[in-house]
C-alpha atoms as a PDB file:
ATOM      1  CA  UNK A   1     -27.198   1.756 -80.576  1.00  0.00           C
ATOM      2  CA  UNK A   2     -26.950   5.631 -80.403  1.00  0.00           C
ATOM      3  CA  UNK A   3     -24.776   7.257 -77.733  1.00  0.00           C
ATOM      4  CA  UNK A   4     -27.734   8.168 -76.206  1.00  0.00           C
ATOM      5  CA  UNK A   5     -29.835   5.088 -75.679  1.00  0.00           C
ATOM      6  CA  UNK A   6     -26.680   3.376 -74.596  1.00  0.00           C
ATOM      7  CA  UNK A   7     -26.376   6.027 -71.734  1.00  0.00           C
ATOM      8  CA  UNK A   8     -30.284   5.402 -70.857  1.00  0.00           C
ATOM      9  CA  UNK A   9     -30.531   1.914 -70.684  1.00  0.00           C
ATOM     10  CA  UNK A  10     -26.872   1.794 -69.002  1.00  0.00           C
ATOM     11  CA  UNK A  11     -28.534   4.571 -66.165  1.00  0.00           C
ATOM     12  CA  UNK A  12     -31.352   2.737 -66.221  1.00  0.00           C
ATOM     13  CA  UNK A  13     -29.827  -0.880 -65.602  1.00  0.00           C
ATOM     14  CA  UNK A  14     -27.312   0.753 -62.346  1.00  0.00           C
ATOM     15  CA  UNK A  15     -30.606   2.296 -60.806  1.00  0.00           C
ATOM     16  CA  UNK A  16     -32.016  -1.202 -60.892  1.00  0.00           C
ATOM     17  CA  UNK A  17     -29.012  -2.705 -60.085  1.00  0.00           C
ATOM     18  CA  UNK A  18     -28.018  -0.686 -57.577  1.00  0.00           C
ATOM     19  CA  UNK A  19     -31.110  -0.633 -55.591  1.00  0.00           C
ATOM     20  CA  UNK A  20     -33.274  -3.454 -56.766  1.00  0.00           C
ATOM     21  CA  UNK A  21     -31.767  -6.259 -57.404  1.00  0.00           C
ATOM     22  CA  UNK A  22     -29.007  -6.535 -55.260  1.00  0.00           C
ATOM     23  CA  UNK A  23     -31.751  -6.974 -52.011  1.00  0.00           C
ATOM     24  CA  UNK A  24     -31.395 -10.232 -52.600  1.00  0.00           C
ATOM     25  CA  UNK A  25     -30.008 -12.849 -49.810  1.00  0.00           C
ATOM     26  CA  UNK A  26     -28.398 -14.109 -52.734  1.00  0.00           C
ATOM     27  CA  UNK A  27     -24.806 -12.578 -54.781  1.00  0.00           C
ATOM     28  CA  UNK A  28     -25.417 -14.312 -58.009  1.00  0.00           C
ATOM     29  CA  UNK A  29     -29.205 -13.012 -58.743  1.00  0.00           C
ATOM     30  CA  UNK A  30     -28.037  -9.086 -59.190  1.00  0.00           C
ATOM     31  CA  UNK A  31     -25.353 -11.664 -61.344  1.00  0.00           C
ATOM     32  CA  UNK A  32     -28.234 -11.878 -64.180  1.00  0.00           C
ATOM     33  CA  UNK A  33     -27.968  -8.140 -65.700  1.00  0.00           C
ATOM     34  CA  UNK A  34     -24.581  -7.151 -65.846  1.00  0.00           C
ATOM     35  CA  UNK A  35     -23.906 -11.301 -67.679  1.00  0.00           C
ATOM     36  CA  UNK A  36     -27.402  -9.869 -69.530  1.00  0.00           C
ATOM     37  CA  UNK A  37     -25.607  -6.634 -71.132  1.00  0.00           C
ATOM     38  CA  UNK A  38     -21.789  -7.874 -71.747  1.00  0.00           C
ATOM     39  CA  UNK A  39     -23.826 -10.321 -74.009  1.00  0.00           C
ATOM     40  CA  UNK A  40     -25.739  -8.233 -75.573  1.00  0.00           C
ATOM     41  CA  UNK A  41     -23.446  -5.224 -76.091  1.00  0.00           C
ATOM     42  CA  UNK A  42     -21.031  -8.175 -77.333  1.00  0.00           C
ATOM     43  CA  UNK A  43     -23.427  -9.252 -80.089  1.00  0.00           C
ATOM     44  CA  UNK A  44     -23.542  -5.696 -80.615  1.00  0.00           C
ATOM     45  CA  UNK A  45     -20.337  -4.757 -80.943  1.00  0.00           C
ATOM     46  CA  UNK A  46     -19.310  -7.848 -83.160  1.00  0.00           C
ATOM     47  CA  UNK A  47     -22.959  -6.815 -86.044  1.00  0.00           C
ATOM     48  CA  UNK A  48     -21.602  -3.072 -86.066  1.00  0.00           C
ATOM     49  CA  UNK A  49     -17.902  -4.213 -85.740  1.00  0.00           C
ATOM     50  CA  UNK A  50     -16.933  -2.216 -88.644  1.00  0.00           C
ATOM     51  CA  UNK A  51     -19.235   1.265 -87.719  1.00  0.00           C
ATOM     52  CA  UNK A  52     -17.887   1.544 -84.963  1.00  0.00           C
ATOM     53  CA  UNK A  53     -15.229   3.797 -83.419  1.00  0.00           C
ATOM     54  CA  UNK A  54     -12.558   3.521 -80.473  1.00  0.00           C
ATOM     55  CA  UNK A  55     -14.754   5.975 -78.850  1.00  0.00           C
ATOM     56  CA  UNK A  56     -17.785   3.228 -79.046  1.00  0.00           C
ATOM     57  CA  UNK A  57     -15.427   0.027 -77.755  1.00  0.00           C
ATOM     58  CA  UNK A  58     -14.933   2.858 -74.703  1.00  0.00           C
ATOM     59  CA  UNK A  59     -18.076   3.945 -74.340  1.00  0.00           C
ATOM     60  CA  UNK A  60     -19.097  -0.108 -74.314  1.00  0.00           C
ATOM     61  CA  UNK A  61     -16.190  -0.982 -72.136  1.00  0.00           C
ATOM     62  CA  UNK A  62     -17.321   1.280 -69.254  1.00  0.00           C
ATOM     63  CA  UNK A  63     -21.161   0.535 -69.977  1.00  0.00           C
ATOM     64  CA  UNK A  64     -19.962  -2.773 -68.650  1.00  0.00           C
ATOM     65  CA  UNK A  65     -17.799  -2.340 -65.766  1.00  0.00           C
ATOM     66  CA  UNK A  66     -20.276   0.182 -64.375  1.00  0.00           C
ATOM     67  CA  UNK A  67     -22.106  -2.481 -64.087  1.00  0.00           C
ATOM     68  CA  UNK A  68     -20.035  -5.161 -62.124  1.00  0.00           C
ATOM     69  CA  UNK A  69     -19.216  -2.405 -60.151  1.00  0.00           C
ATOM     70  CA  UNK A  70     -22.786  -1.160 -58.704  1.00  0.00           C
ATOM     71  CA  UNK A  71     -23.344  -4.819 -58.262  1.00  0.00           C
ATOM     72  CA  UNK A  72     -20.440  -5.452 -56.288  1.00  0.00           C
ATOM     73  CA  UNK A  73     -20.732  -2.095 -53.689  1.00  0.00           C
ATOM     74  CA  UNK A  74     -24.793  -3.298 -53.717  1.00  0.00           C
ATOM     75  CA  UNK A  75     -24.729  -6.085 -52.725  1.00  0.00           C
ATOM     76  CA  UNK A  76     -22.573  -5.324 -49.791  1.00  0.00           C
ATOM     77  CA  UNK A  77     -24.552  -2.294 -48.603  1.00  0.00           C
ATOM     78  CA  UNK A  78     -26.749  -4.564 -48.659  1.00  0.00           C
ATOM     79  CA  UNK A  79     -25.191  -7.231 -46.834  1.00  0.00           C
ATOM     80  CA  UNK A  80     -24.357  -4.427 -44.018  1.00  0.00           C
ATOM     81  CA  UNK A  81     -27.581  -3.770 -43.494  1.00  0.00           C
ATOM     82  CA  UNK A  82     -28.443  -7.464 -42.938  1.00  0.00           C
ATOM     83  CA  UNK A  83     -25.468  -7.614 -40.304  1.00  0.00           C
ATOM     84  CA  UNK A  84     -26.984  -4.623 -38.489  1.00  0.00           C
ATOM     85  CA  UNK A  85     -30.392  -6.040 -38.045  1.00  0.00           C
END
């Protein structure tokens, strides 16, 4: 997977995760996409392990961590809004 492709997919998923998937009352609903993204990147890393550089591993780790951070931030933001009502 190229750097541009990884970046575009990650940015799209970050936006969806932050404003759409975390809007649920249930905490686990927002976790589906980060878990699937983690599995997809793990499969890609395992399949292409011989050809990856240190930068590729670093970018994959950043792509995974950023979705989990957005999951937590989005859920907290929506929980605060629900509590304020």
